[in-house]
């Protein structure tokens, strides 16, 4: 059974950093072929794409470009989202999601949450002084 588990959320002051991880299990040897995306949902707002990574590259939402970095370890089956210079607007629950790249690859314009096949349970990030 394929599962995603996020970790690394917490409370941080504005300007601080957090590193989120998305650990995948059950994907066996084809994890390399999966597109992994990060989404977030702030209270009272719709879920939005934050970053996406697949074998062909990475994409970021305009609001996080230059501050967030996504990376994928195909040996450990883990995707990491390094978040720097955090702002109160970054507060929300962060989810990772996965879909095989033959069905969907990252897009510059926006990451389509409806394309994802597997979701984690989310990890909460609060940026506040």
Foldseek 3Di string as FASTA:
>chain_A
DKAWAKDWADEAAQQAKIKMKIAIPPPPQCLLQKKKWKWWDDVPGDIFTAKIDHPVGIEGDPVQPPFWDWDADSVRRMIMIIGGSDDQVVWGWMKMFMDGVVQPHDDHVGDDPVSTDYIYPTDGHGHHD
